[in-house]
Protein backbone atom coordinates (compact mmCIF):
# COMPACT_ATOMS: atom_id res chain seq x y z
CA MET A 1 46.50 -45.27 0.29
CA SER A 2 47.52 -46.03 3.87
CA LYS A 3 45.05 -47.47 6.37
CA ASP A 4 45.25 -44.26 8.46
CA ASN A 5 44.35 -42.12 5.45
CA GLU A 6 41.44 -44.44 4.60
CA ASN A 7 40.13 -44.18 8.16
CA ARG A 8 40.44 -40.37 8.12
CA GLN A 9 38.63 -40.11 4.81
CA THR A 10 35.84 -42.44 5.99
CA THR A 11 35.44 -40.45 9.21
CA ALA A 12 35.48 -37.15 7.31
CA SER A 13 32.77 -38.36 4.94
CA ILE A 14 30.39 -39.31 7.75
CA GLY A 15 31.16 -36.30 9.91
CA PRO A 16 32.69 -35.97 13.34
CA VAL A 17 32.53 -38.89 15.77
CA VAL A 18 30.40 -37.53 18.60
CA GLY A 19 28.29 -38.93 21.39
CA SER A 20 25.55 -36.31 21.13
CA SER A 21 24.82 -34.97 17.66
CA HIS A 22 22.77 -32.08 19.05
CA LEU A 23 25.90 -30.84 20.87
CA ALA A 24 27.93 -31.06 17.65
CA GLU A 25 25.61 -28.70 15.80
CA GLY A 26 26.85 -25.15 15.54
CA ARG A 27 30.24 -23.51 15.81
CA LYS A 28 32.44 -26.14 17.40
CA PRO A 29 31.53 -29.71 16.41
CA SER A 30 35.12 -30.69 17.15
CA LEU A 31 34.56 -29.86 20.82
CA SER A 32 31.85 -32.51 20.91
CA GLU A 33 34.38 -34.94 19.43
CA VAL A 34 36.83 -34.04 22.18
CA GLU A 35 34.17 -34.51 24.86
CA LEU A 36 33.31 -38.00 23.63
CA ALA A 37 37.00 -38.87 23.45
CA LEU A 38 37.53 -37.54 27.00
CA SER A 39 34.65 -39.61 28.26
CA MET A 40 35.91 -42.75 26.54
CA CYS A 41 39.47 -42.14 27.70
CA GLY A 42 38.40 -41.32 31.26
CA ASN A 43 36.26 -44.43 31.54
CA GLY A 44 38.98 -46.60 30.03
CA PHE A 45 41.59 -45.08 32.34
CA HIS A 46 39.47 -45.64 35.47
CA ARG A 47 38.76 -49.23 34.45
CA TRP A 48 42.48 -49.74 33.78
CA ILE A 49 43.74 -48.40 37.12
CA THR A 50 41.34 -50.55 39.14
CA ARG A 51 42.28 -53.67 37.16
CA CYS A 52 45.96 -52.84 37.31
CA MET A 53 45.66 -52.48 41.08
CA ALA A 54 43.84 -55.82 41.23
CA ALA A 55 46.67 -57.40 39.22
CA ALA A 56 49.12 -55.79 41.67
CA GLY A 57 47.37 -57.58 44.53
CA VAL A 58 44.47 -55.49 45.85
CA ALA A 59 41.13 -55.89 44.10
CA ASP A 60 38.95 -53.94 46.53
CA LEU A 61 39.91 -50.41 45.46
CA GLY A 62 37.89 -48.08 43.26
CA SER A 63 39.54 -45.71 40.84
CA LEU A 64 39.43 -42.76 43.25
CA ASP A 65 41.04 -44.92 45.94
CA VAL A 66 43.87 -45.79 43.52
CA LEU A 67 44.39 -42.16 42.53
CA VAL A 68 44.44 -41.03 46.16
CA LEU A 69 46.90 -43.79 47.12
CA HIS A 70 49.33 -42.80 44.34
CA SER A 71 48.98 -39.12 45.25
CA ILE A 72 49.82 -39.85 48.87
CA ASN A 73 52.83 -41.91 47.78
CA HIS A 74 54.05 -39.08 45.52
CA ARG A 75 57.43 -37.80 46.73
CA GLY A 76 57.06 -39.64 50.05
CA ARG A 77 55.68 -36.63 51.92
CA PRO A 78 52.52 -36.51 54.06
CA LYS A 79 49.55 -34.82 52.40
CA LYS A 80 46.58 -32.82 53.68
CA LEU A 81 43.06 -33.58 52.47
CA ALA A 82 42.87 -30.15 50.84
CA ASP A 83 46.11 -30.78 48.94
CA LEU A 84 44.88 -34.13 47.65
CA CYS A 85 41.65 -32.53 46.44
CA LEU A 86 43.59 -29.72 44.76
CA ILE A 87 46.04 -32.09 43.03
CA LEU A 88 43.25 -34.35 41.77
CA ASN A 89 40.90 -31.43 40.96
CA ILE A 90 38.16 -32.86 43.17
CA GLU A 91 35.55 -30.54 44.61
CA ASP A 92 33.73 -33.06 46.84
CA THR A 93 36.15 -33.51 49.72
CA HIS A 94 33.93 -36.14 51.33
CA THR A 95 34.71 -38.57 48.47
CA VAL A 96 38.45 -38.21 49.06
CA ASN A 97 37.91 -38.45 52.82
CA TYR A 98 36.01 -41.72 52.29
CA ALA A 99 38.87 -43.04 50.14
CA LEU A 100 41.33 -42.10 52.91
CA LYS A 101 39.32 -44.03 55.49
CA LYS A 102 39.19 -47.04 53.19
CA LEU A 103 42.95 -46.91 52.51
CA GLN A 104 43.66 -46.47 56.21
CA SER A 105 41.49 -49.47 57.12
CA MET A 106 43.62 -51.54 54.71
CA ASP A 107 46.84 -50.25 56.34
CA LEU A 108 47.96 -48.63 53.09
CA VAL A 109 48.07 -45.11 54.58
CA GLU A 110 48.24 -43.69 58.07
CA SER A 111 47.13 -40.39 59.50
CA ALA A 112 48.89 -38.08 61.92
CA ARG A 113 48.76 -34.49 63.12
CA GLN A 114 51.08 -31.85 61.72
CA GLY A 115 50.37 -28.86 63.90
CA LYS A 116 46.61 -28.35 63.76
CA GLU A 117 46.30 -30.18 60.45
CA LYS A 118 45.55 -33.84 59.87
CA VAL A 119 47.89 -35.36 57.29
CA VAL A 120 48.11 -38.77 55.68
CA ALA A 121 51.23 -40.66 54.69
CA ILE A 122 51.93 -43.86 52.87
CA THR A 123 52.74 -46.96 54.92
CA ASP A 124 55.37 -49.52 53.98
CA LYS A 125 52.56 -51.80 52.79
CA GLY A 126 51.09 -48.98 50.70
CA GLU A 127 54.46 -48.13 49.17
CA ALA A 128 55.10 -51.78 48.30
CA LEU A 129 51.70 -51.91 46.61
CA CYS A 130 52.47 -48.78 44.59
CA ILE A 131 55.77 -50.33 43.48
CA ARG A 132 54.00 -53.54 42.43
CA TYR A 133 51.38 -51.46 40.55
CA LYS A 134 54.22 -49.69 38.73
CA GLU A 135 55.70 -53.03 37.68
CA VAL A 136 52.35 -54.30 36.36
CA ARG A 137 51.75 -50.96 34.59
CA GLU A 138 55.10 -51.12 32.84
CA ALA A 139 54.61 -54.76 31.84
CA LEU A 140 51.09 -54.35 30.45
CA LEU A 141 50.72 -50.78 29.25
CA PHE A 142 54.01 -49.45 27.92
CA GLU A 143 54.30 -51.73 24.90
CA ALA A 144 50.70 -50.99 23.89
CA VAL A 145 51.28 -47.24 24.16
CA ASP A 146 54.52 -47.56 22.20
CA ALA A 147 52.59 -49.33 19.42
CA VAL A 148 50.47 -46.18 18.93
CA GLY A 149 53.67 -44.40 17.87
CA LEU A 150 53.54 -41.45 20.25
CA SER A 151 56.90 -40.13 21.43
CA GLU A 152 57.60 -38.88 24.95
CA GLU A 153 57.26 -35.34 23.57
CA ASP A 154 53.90 -36.19 21.96
CA LEU A 155 52.58 -37.60 25.23
CA SER A 156 53.77 -34.52 27.13
CA ARG A 157 51.98 -32.28 24.62
CA VAL A 158 48.78 -34.31 25.01
CA ALA A 159 49.06 -33.98 28.81
CA ALA A 160 49.58 -30.21 28.56
CA LEU A 161 46.59 -29.90 26.25
CA LEU A 162 44.40 -31.92 28.62
CA ARG A 163 45.47 -29.79 31.60
CA SER A 164 44.66 -26.66 29.59
CA LEU A 165 41.23 -28.02 28.61
CA SER A 166 40.64 -28.87 32.26
CA GLY A 167 41.14 -25.21 33.11
CA GLN A 168 38.70 -24.16 30.39
CA TYR A 169 36.05 -26.57 31.67
CA ASP A 170 36.67 -25.40 35.27
CA GLN A 171 36.22 -21.77 34.21
CA ALA A 172 33.05 -22.62 32.29
CA ALA A 173 31.74 -24.51 35.35
CA ARG A 174 32.29 -21.42 37.53
CA ALA A 175 30.45 -19.30 34.98
CA ALA A 176 27.57 -21.79 34.80
CA ALA A 177 27.31 -21.85 38.59
CA SER A 178 26.82 -18.08 38.62
CA LEU A 179 23.84 -18.13 36.22
């Protein structure tokens, strides 16, 4: 029997791996499994991006700062605060605004006016940092992800599934807010 089959059988015999057994009771125990996995993955991802950025040369950025910086660098076009919040699915604009101020104070982004709107754009220093981050990411992460055995198609399917689940949680949040 392969090691994967042994692990699956062991897990199946003890039940789903969940963080809150009371949430796994009822119709959808697998959803509780997904929620624990999302939490673990999210926390691991946020820890990774801050440490990757530190390895790239800037240790003073939090995970939101890193995400905002990469979003601003995306396609080399200036971005509005509202667009950044939409892309990152962030409701609290003040957290993104704080990240923008921090990035601007480090000369990684700059702000300007585009008509009546304030926009932010990447600076040369910010772009160089994003390129260095990409190099560190490729050197440290790609081989480990390859070892899991997921193809490009598998990873794209996982991403699509996560985006779909995000929409379901957003819809449920709207419904909960109306109660």
